[in-house]
Amino acid sequence: VRFGRTLGSPVAVVIRNTEWPKWRQEMSPEPGSPRRTLTTPRPGHADLAGMQKYDTHDARDVLERASARETAARTVAGYLAKV
């Protein structure tokens, strides 16, 4: 994007997550199993509904989808679509 117009090339965006080092093992994209699962949904969060909808026993699978990081990515995509 240059001066509000796309040049037709791919756009890359980096959103740094300062919390990632703490969760590197629990949220690893590599094959394997988590050290421990989070099976108790948190009150007032999307955990229970997501666990039921996606038939998962680990709330971390859901809380990542409903996180601020997910919202940030959607916001950037919406902004780029609007520009």
PDB file of N, CA and C in Angstrom:
ATOM      1  N   VAL A   1       0.862  -1.168   0.000  1.00  0.00           N
ATOM      2  CA  VAL A   1       0.000   0.000   0.000  1.00  0.00           C
ATOM      3  C   VAL A   1       0.907   1.229   0.000  1.00  0.00           C
ATOM      4  N   ARG A   2       0.635   2.110  -0.929  1.00  0.00           N
ATOM      5  CA  ARG A   2       1.419   3.342  -1.024  1.00  0.00           C
ATOM      6  C   ARG A   2       0.472   4.496  -1.278  1.00  0.00           C
ATOM      7  N   PHE A   3       0.515   5.484  -0.414  1.00  0.00           N
ATOM      8  CA  PHE A   3      -0.362   6.654  -0.521  1.00  0.00           C
ATOM      9  C   PHE A   3      -1.829   6.248  -0.627  1.00  0.00           C
ATOM     10  N   GLY A   4      -2.215   5.224   0.141  1.00  0.00           N
ATOM     11  CA  GLY A   4      -3.613   4.820   0.187  1.00  0.00           C
ATOM     12  C   GLY A   4      -4.075   3.938  -0.953  1.00  0.00           C
ATOM     13  N   ARG A   5      -3.166   3.530  -1.828  1.00  0.00           N
ATOM     14  CA  ARG A   5      -3.541   2.667  -2.955  1.00  0.00           C
ATOM     15  C   ARG A   5      -2.686   1.416  -2.953  1.00  0.00           C
ATOM     16  N   THR A   6      -3.300   0.318  -3.316  1.00  0.00           N
ATOM     17  CA  THR A   6      -2.545  -0.924  -3.401  1.00  0.00           C
ATOM     18  C   THR A   6      -1.713  -0.936  -4.668  1.00  0.00           C
ATOM     19  N   LEU A   7      -0.555  -1.546  -4.573  1.00  0.00           N
ATOM     20  CA  LEU A   7       0.311  -1.697  -5.733  1.00  0.00           C
ATOM     21  C   LEU A   7       0.068  -3.044  -6.403  1.00  0.00           C
ATOM     22  N   GLY A   8      -0.835  -3.821  -5.841  1.00  0.00           N
ATOM     23  CA  GLY A   8      -1.132  -5.134  -6.393  1.00  0.00           C
ATOM     24  C   GLY A   8      -0.272  -6.241  -5.810  1.00  0.00           C
ATOM     25  N   SER A   9       0.659  -5.890  -4.956  1.00  0.00           N
ATOM     26  CA  SER A   9       1.526  -6.899  -4.344  1.00  0.00           C
ATOM     27  C   SER A   9       0.953  -7.326  -2.988  1.00  0.00           C
ATOM     28  N   PRO A  10       1.382  -8.472  -2.482  1.00  0.00           N
ATOM     29  CA  PRO A  10       0.890  -8.926  -1.171  1.00  0.00           C
ATOM     30  C   PRO A  10       1.259  -7.936  -0.066  1.00  0.00           C
ATOM     31  N   VAL A  11       0.414  -7.864   0.945  1.00  0.00           N
ATOM     32  CA  VAL A  11       0.648  -6.992   2.085  1.00  0.00           C
ATOM     33  C   VAL A  11       0.975  -7.873   3.288  1.00  0.00           C
ATOM     34  N   ALA A  12       2.056  -7.580   3.970  1.00  0.00           N
ATOM     35  CA  ALA A  12       2.435  -8.324   5.178  1.00  0.00           C
ATOM     36  C   ALA A  12       2.311  -7.407   6.389  1.00  0.00           C
ATOM     37  N   VAL A  13       1.790  -7.951   7.472  1.00  0.00           N
ATOM     38  CA  VAL A  13       1.625  -7.196   8.706  1.00  0.00           C
ATOM     39  C   VAL A  13       2.193  -8.036   9.847  1.00  0.00           C
ATOM     40  N   VAL A  14       2.950  -7.418  10.720  1.00  0.00           N
ATOM     41  CA  VAL A  14       3.481  -8.105  11.899  1.00  0.00           C
ATOM     42  C   VAL A  14       2.848  -7.485  13.137  1.00  0.00           C
ATOM     43  N   ILE A  15       2.201  -8.315  13.943  1.00  0.00           N
ATOM     44  CA  ILE A  15       1.657  -7.877  15.226  1.00  0.00           C
ATOM     45  C   ILE A  15       2.418  -8.665  16.287  1.00  0.00           C
ATOM     46  N   ARG A  16       3.272  -8.017  17.001  1.00  0.00           N
ATOM     47  CA  ARG A  16       4.095  -8.700  17.998  1.00  0.00           C
ATOM     48  C   ARG A  16       3.248  -9.091  19.213  1.00  0.00           C
ATOM     49  N   ASN A  17       3.474 -10.290  19.710  1.00  0.00           N
ATOM     50  CA  ASN A  17       2.782 -10.792  20.888  1.00  0.00           C
ATOM     51  C   ASN A  17       3.819 -11.003  21.980  1.00  0.00           C
ATOM     52  N   THR A  18       3.856 -10.108  22.940  1.00  0.00           N
ATOM     53  CA  THR A  18       4.859 -10.193  24.000  1.00  0.00           C
ATOM     54  C   THR A  18       4.613 -11.368  24.941  1.00  0.00           C
ATOM     55  N   GLU A  19       3.425 -11.951  24.911  1.00  0.00           N
ATOM     56  CA  GLU A  19       3.097 -13.089  25.773  1.00  0.00           C
ATOM     57  C   GLU A  19       3.537 -14.422  25.174  1.00  0.00           C
ATOM     58  N   TRP A  20       3.901 -14.461  23.898  1.00  0.00           N
ATOM     59  CA  TRP A  20       4.204 -15.725  23.225  1.00  0.00           C
ATOM     60  C   TRP A  20       5.253 -16.578  23.935  1.00  0.00           C
ATOM     61  N   PRO A  21       6.376 -16.021  24.411  1.00  0.00           N
ATOM     62  CA  PRO A  21       7.372 -16.883  25.061  1.00  0.00           C
ATOM     63  C   PRO A  21       6.808 -17.699  26.226  1.00  0.00           C
ATOM     64  N   LYS A  22       5.849 -17.148  26.961  1.00  0.00           N
ATOM     65  CA  LYS A  22       5.250 -17.865  28.094  1.00  0.00           C
ATOM     66  C   LYS A  22       4.421 -19.061  27.636  1.00  0.00           C
ATOM     67  N   TRP A  23       3.854 -18.984  26.437  1.00  0.00           N
ATOM     68  CA  TRP A  23       2.914 -20.002  25.960  1.00  0.00           C
ATOM     69  C   TRP A  23       3.478 -20.846  24.829  1.00  0.00           C
ATOM     70  N   ARG A  24       4.746 -20.695  24.530  1.00  0.00           N
ATOM     71  CA  ARG A  24       5.362 -21.377  23.385  1.00  0.00           C
ATOM     72  C   ARG A  24       5.132 -22.890  23.400  1.00  0.00           C
ATOM     73  N   GLN A  25       5.296 -23.549  24.550  1.00  0.00           N
ATOM     74  CA  GLN A  25       5.109 -24.998  24.612  1.00  0.00           C
ATOM     75  C   GLN A  25       3.634 -25.388  24.590  1.00  0.00           C
ATOM     76  N   GLU A  26       2.796 -24.652  25.319  1.00  0.00           N
ATOM     77  CA  GLU A  26       1.371 -25.004  25.397  1.00  0.00           C
ATOM     78  C   GLU A  26       0.634 -24.771  24.084  1.00  0.00           C
ATOM     79  N   MET A  27       1.065 -23.799  23.290  1.00  0.00           N
ATOM     80  CA  MET A  27       0.359 -23.447  22.059  1.00  0.00           C
ATOM     81  C   MET A  27       1.188 -23.766  20.816  1.00  0.00           C
ATOM     82  N   SER A  28       2.121 -24.687  20.932  1.00  0.00           N
ATOM     83  CA  SER A  28       3.032 -25.010  19.835  1.00  0.00           C
ATOM     84  C   SER A  28       2.291 -25.505  18.591  1.00  0.00           C
ATOM     85  N   PRO A  29       2.680 -25.040  17.416  1.00  0.00           N
ATOM     86  CA  PRO A  29       2.076 -25.540  16.181  1.00  0.00           C
ATOM     87  C   PRO A  29       2.638 -26.902  15.768  1.00  0.00           C
ATOM     88  N   GLU A  30       3.699 -27.340  16.442  1.00  0.00           N
ATOM     89  CA  GLU A  30       4.320 -28.626  16.116  1.00  0.00           C
ATOM     90  C   GLU A  30       3.436 -29.786  16.587  1.00  0.00           C
ATOM     91  N   PRO A  31       3.522 -30.952  15.930  1.00  0.00           N
ATOM     92  CA  PRO A  31       2.747 -32.118  16.367  1.00  0.00           C
ATOM     93  C   PRO A  31       3.117 -32.518  17.796  1.00  0.00           C
ATOM     94  N   GLY A  32       2.153 -33.059  18.508  1.00  0.00           N
ATOM     95  CA  GLY A  32       2.384 -33.489  19.885  1.00  0.00           C
ATOM     96  C   GLY A  32       1.160 -33.221  20.733  1.00  0.00           C
ATOM     97  N   SER A  33       1.331 -33.302  22.022  1.00  0.00           N
ATOM     98  CA  SER A  33       0.240 -33.085  22.972  1.00  0.00           C
ATOM     99  C   SER A  33       0.630 -31.988  23.953  1.00  0.00           C
ATOM    100  N   PRO A  34      -0.361 -31.231  24.428  1.00  0.00           N
ATOM    101  CA  PRO A  34      -0.055 -30.220  25.441  1.00  0.00           C
ATOM    102  C   PRO A  34       0.357 -30.891  26.751  1.00  0.00           C
ATOM    103  N   ARG A  35       1.148 -30.177  27.552  1.00  0.00           N
ATOM    104  CA  ARG A  35       1.562 -30.728  28.844  1.00  0.00           C
ATOM    105  C   ARG A  35       0.353 -30.948  29.738  1.00  0.00           C
ATOM    106  N   ARG A  36      -0.556 -30.005  29.723  1.00  0.00           N
ATOM    107  CA  ARG A  36      -1.795 -30.151  30.493  1.00  0.00           C
ATOM    108  C   ARG A  36      -2.907 -29.432  29.747  1.00  0.00           C
ATOM    109  N   THR A  37      -4.096 -29.954  29.855  1.00  0.00           N
ATOM    110  CA  THR A  37      -5.232 -29.331  29.180  1.00  0.00           C
ATOM    111  C   THR A  37      -5.979 -28.435  30.155  1.00  0.00           C
ATOM    112  N   LEU A  38      -6.641 -27.452  29.617  1.00  0.00           N
ATOM    113  CA  LEU A  38      -7.468 -26.545  30.409  1.00  0.00           C
ATOM    114  C   LEU A  38      -8.910 -26.983  30.192  1.00  0.00           C
ATOM    115  N   THR A  39      -9.456 -27.726  31.136  1.00  0.00           N
ATOM    116  CA  THR A  39     -10.779 -28.330  30.954  1.00  0.00           C
ATOM    117  C   THR A  39     -11.895 -27.560  31.648  1.00  0.00           C
ATOM    118  N   THR A  40     -11.561 -26.596  32.482  1.00  0.00           N
ATOM    119  CA  THR A  40     -12.579 -25.820  33.188  1.00  0.00           C
ATOM    120  C   THR A  40     -12.785 -24.493  32.474  1.00  0.00           C
ATOM    121  N   PRO A  41     -13.979 -24.276  31.906  1.00  0.00           N
ATOM    122  CA  PRO A  41     -14.222 -22.999  31.220  1.00  0.00           C
ATOM    123  C   PRO A  41     -14.259 -21.844  32.221  1.00  0.00           C
ATOM    124  N   ARG A  42     -13.790 -20.703  31.786  1.00  0.00           N
ATOM    125  CA  ARG A  42     -13.779 -19.516  32.637  1.00  0.00           C
ATOM    126  C   ARG A  42     -15.134 -18.824  32.566  1.00  0.00           C
ATOM    127  N   PRO A  43     -15.685 -18.398  33.702  1.00  0.00           N
ATOM    128  CA  PRO A  43     -16.975 -17.705  33.702  1.00  0.00           C
ATOM    129  C   PRO A  43     -16.902 -16.404  32.899  1.00  0.00           C
ATOM    130  N   GLY A  44     -17.911 -16.150  32.096  1.00  0.00           N
ATOM    131  CA  GLY A  44     -17.987 -14.907  31.346  1.00  0.00           C
ATOM    132  C   GLY A  44     -17.165 -14.869  30.075  1.00  0.00           C
ATOM    133  N   HIS A  45     -16.547 -15.979  29.705  1.00  0.00           N
ATOM    134  CA  HIS A  45     -15.730 -16.027  28.496  1.00  0.00           C
ATOM    135  C   HIS A  45     -16.383 -16.958  27.474  1.00  0.00           C
ATOM    136  N   ALA A  46     -15.807 -17.040  26.308  1.00  0.00           N
ATOM    137  CA  ALA A  46     -16.359 -17.861  25.225  1.00  0.00           C
ATOM    138  C   ALA A  46     -15.985 -19.335  25.354  1.00  0.00           C
ATOM    139  N   ASP A  47     -15.274 -19.696  26.411  1.00  0.00           N
ATOM    140  CA  ASP A  47     -14.743 -21.053  26.549  1.00  0.00           C
ATOM    141  C   ASP A  47     -15.807 -22.144  26.451  1.00  0.00           C
ATOM    142  N   LEU A  48     -16.845 -22.074  27.274  1.00  0.00           N
ATOM    143  CA  LEU A  48     -17.853 -23.140  27.317  1.00  0.00           C
ATOM    144  C   LEU A  48     -18.576 -23.281  25.982  1.00  0.00           C
ATOM    145  N   ALA A  49     -19.058 -22.168  25.439  1.00  0.00           N
ATOM    146  CA  ALA A  49     -19.782 -22.230  24.162  1.00  0.00           C
ATOM    147  C   ALA A  49     -18.884 -22.775  23.055  1.00  0.00           C
ATOM    148  N   GLY A  50     -17.646 -22.337  23.020  1.00  0.00           N
ATOM    149  CA  GLY A  50     -16.713 -22.809  21.998  1.00  0.00           C
ATOM    150  C   GLY A  50     -16.347 -24.266  22.168  1.00  0.00           C
ATOM    151  N   MET A  51     -16.169 -24.707  23.416  1.00  0.00           N
ATOM    152  CA  MET A  51     -15.847 -26.115  23.673  1.00  0.00           C
ATOM    153  C   MET A  51     -16.986 -27.015  23.206  1.00  0.00           C
ATOM    154  N   GLN A  52     -18.217 -26.561  23.422  1.00  0.00           N
ATOM    155  CA  GLN A  52     -19.372 -27.345  22.973  1.00  0.00           C
ATOM    156  C   GLN A  52     -19.503 -27.295  21.453  1.00  0.00           C
ATOM    157  N   LYS A  53     -19.351 -26.117  20.877  1.00  0.00           N
ATOM    158  CA  LYS A  53     -19.513 -25.964  19.433  1.00  0.00           C
ATOM    159  C   LYS A  53     -18.476 -26.759  18.649  1.00  0.00           C
ATOM    160  N   TYR A  54     -17.211 -26.691  19.079  1.00  0.00           N
ATOM    161  CA  TYR A  54     -16.133 -27.344  18.340  1.00  0.00           C
ATOM    162  C   TYR A  54     -15.769 -28.716  18.894  1.00  0.00           C
ATOM    163  N   ASP A  55     -16.548 -29.193  19.881  1.00  0.00           N
ATOM    164  CA  ASP A  55     -16.370 -30.528  20.462  1.00  0.00           C
ATOM    165  C   ASP A  55     -14.919 -30.775  20.877  1.00  0.00           C
ATOM    166  N   THR A  56     -14.407 -29.880  21.711  1.00  0.00           N
ATOM    167  CA  THR A  56     -13.040 -30.018  22.214  1.00  0.00           C
ATOM    168  C   THR A  56     -13.062 -30.049  23.735  1.00  0.00           C
ATOM    169  N   HIS A  57     -12.092 -30.704  24.315  1.00  0.00           N
ATOM    170  CA  HIS A  57     -12.011 -30.793  25.772  1.00  0.00           C
ATOM    171  C   HIS A  57     -10.963 -29.841  26.338  1.00  0.00           C
ATOM    172  N   ASP A  58     -10.252 -29.140  25.478  1.00  0.00           N
ATOM    173  CA  ASP A  58      -9.234 -28.188  25.917  1.00  0.00           C
ATOM    174  C   ASP A  58      -9.701 -26.773  25.578  1.00  0.00           C
ATOM    175  N   ALA A  59      -9.951 -25.974  26.602  1.00  0.00           N
ATOM    176  CA  ALA A  59     -10.456 -24.611  26.401  1.00  0.00           C
ATOM    177  C   ALA A  59      -9.457 -23.726  25.662  1.00  0.00           C
ATOM    178  N   ARG A  60      -8.175 -24.090  25.681  1.00  0.00           N
ATOM    179  CA  ARG A  60      -7.177 -23.259  24.988  1.00  0.00           C
ATOM    180  C   ARG A  60      -7.426 -23.222  23.480  1.00  0.00           C
ATOM    181  N   ASP A  61      -8.020 -24.286  22.937  1.00  0.00           N
ATOM    182  CA  ASP A  61      -8.347 -24.286  21.511  1.00  0.00           C
ATOM    183  C   ASP A  61      -9.349 -23.185  21.190  1.00  0.00           C
ATOM    184  N   VAL A  62     -10.202 -22.868  22.145  1.00  0.00           N
ATOM    185  CA  VAL A  62     -11.241 -21.858  21.950  1.00  0.00           C
ATOM    186  C   VAL A  62     -10.744 -20.472  22.343  1.00  0.00           C
ATOM    187  N   LEU A  63     -10.078 -20.375  23.472  1.00  0.00           N
ATOM    188  CA  LEU A  63      -9.709 -19.044  23.959  1.00  0.00           C
ATOM    189  C   LEU A  63      -8.735 -18.343  23.028  1.00  0.00           C
ATOM    190  N   GLU A  64      -7.973 -19.077  22.251  1.00  0.00           N
ATOM    191  CA  GLU A  64      -7.103 -18.454  21.251  1.00  0.00           C
ATOM    192  C   GLU A  64      -7.935 -17.836  20.137  1.00  0.00           C
ATOM    193  N   ARG A  65      -9.014 -18.490  19.739  1.00  0.00           N
ATOM    194  CA  ARG A  65      -9.874 -17.956  18.674  1.00  0.00           C
ATOM    195  C   ARG A  65     -10.646 -16.732  19.143  1.00  0.00           C
ATOM    196  N   ALA A  66     -10.898 -16.636  20.433  1.00  0.00           N
ATOM    197  CA  ALA A  66     -11.682 -15.524  20.972  1.00  0.00           C
ATOM    198  C   ALA A  66     -10.790 -14.500  21.671  1.00  0.00           C
ATOM    199  N   SER A  67      -9.512 -14.481  21.352  1.00  0.00           N
ATOM    200  CA  SER A  67      -8.562 -13.616  22.055  1.00  0.00           C
ATOM    201  C   SER A  67      -8.446 -12.241  21.394  1.00  0.00           C
ATOM    202  N   ALA A  68      -7.780 -11.349  22.092  1.00  0.00           N
ATOM    203  CA  ALA A  68      -7.518 -10.020  21.534  1.00  0.00           C
ATOM    204  C   ALA A  68      -6.611 -10.117  20.313  1.00  0.00           C
ATOM    205  N   ARG A  69      -5.744 -11.138  20.291  1.00  0.00           N
ATOM    206  CA  ARG A  69      -4.863 -11.318  19.133  1.00  0.00           C
ATOM    207  C   ARG A  69      -5.676 -11.630  17.887  1.00  0.00           C
ATOM    208  N   GLU A  70      -6.705 -12.439  18.034  1.00  0.00           N
ATOM    209  CA  GLU A  70      -7.584 -12.754  16.905  1.00  0.00           C
ATOM    210  C   GLU A  70      -8.308 -11.486  16.450  1.00  0.00           C
ATOM    211  N   THR A  71      -8.781 -10.707  17.404  1.00  0.00           N
ATOM    212  CA  THR A  71      -9.475  -9.460  17.086  1.00  0.00           C
ATOM    213  C   THR A  71      -8.534  -8.485  16.378  1.00  0.00           C
ATOM    214  N   ALA A  72      -7.295  -8.408  16.816  1.00  0.00           N
ATOM    215  CA  ALA A  72      -6.317  -7.513  16.178  1.00  0.00           C
ATOM    216  C   ALA A  72      -6.102  -7.901  14.722  1.00  0.00           C
ATOM    217  N   ALA A  73      -5.991  -9.189  14.457  1.00  0.00           N
ATOM    218  CA  ALA A  73      -5.790  -9.650  13.076  1.00  0.00           C
ATOM    219  C   ALA A  73      -7.000  -9.309  12.206  1.00  0.00           C
ATOM    220  N   ARG A  74      -8.190  -9.502  12.749  1.00  0.00           N
ATOM    221  CA  ARG A  74      -9.406  -9.169  11.986  1.00  0.00           C
ATOM    222  C   ARG A  74      -9.504  -7.660  11.735  1.00  0.00           C
ATOM    223  N   THR A  75      -9.103  -6.872  12.708  1.00  0.00           N
ATOM    224  CA  THR A  75      -9.135  -5.416  12.563  1.00  0.00           C
ATOM    225  C   THR A  75      -8.182  -4.960  11.463  1.00  0.00           C
ATOM    226  N   VAL A  76      -6.988  -5.514  11.438  1.00  0.00           N
ATOM    227  CA  VAL A  76      -6.016  -5.171  10.390  1.00  0.00           C
ATOM    228  C   VAL A  76      -6.552  -5.575   9.021  1.00  0.00           C
ATOM    229  N   ALA A  77      -7.129  -6.774   8.927  1.00  0.00           N
ATOM    230  CA  ALA A  77      -7.684  -7.231   7.647  1.00  0.00           C
ATOM    231  C   ALA A  77      -8.811  -6.309   7.186  1.00  0.00           C
ATOM    232  N   GLY A  78      -9.664  -5.893   8.109  1.00  0.00           N
ATOM    233  CA  GLY A  78     -10.747  -4.974   7.767  1.00  0.00           C
ATOM    234  C   GLY A  78     -10.230  -3.623   7.313  1.00  0.00           C
ATOM    235  N   TYR A  79      -9.208  -3.129   7.992  1.00  0.00           N
ATOM    236  CA  TYR A  79      -8.608  -1.856   7.601  1.00  0.00           C
ATOM    237  C   TYR A  79      -8.025  -1.939   6.193  1.00  0.00           C
ATOM    238  N   LEU A  80      -7.290  -3.017   5.929  1.00  0.00           N
ATOM    239  CA  LEU A  80      -6.683  -3.165   4.603  1.00  0.00           C
ATOM    240  C   LEU A  80      -7.748  -3.297   3.517  1.00  0.00           C
ATOM    241  N   ALA A  81      -8.846  -3.958   3.836  1.00  0.00           N
ATOM    242  CA  ALA A  81      -9.929  -4.089   2.857  1.00  0.00           C
ATOM    243  C   ALA A  81     -10.580  -2.732   2.582  1.00  0.00           C
ATOM    244  N   LYS A  82     -10.638  -1.901   3.604  1.00  0.00           N
ATOM    245  CA  LYS A  82     -11.256  -0.584   3.458  1.00  0.00           C
ATOM    246  C   LYS A  82     -10.364   0.370   2.671  1.00  0.00           C
ATOM    247  N   VAL A  83      -9.054   0.245   2.848  1.00  0.00           N
ATOM    248  CA  VAL A  83      -8.101   1.123   2.153  1.00  0.00           C
ATOM    249  C   VAL A  83      -8.124   0.758   0.730  1.00  0.00           C
TER     250      VAL A  83
END
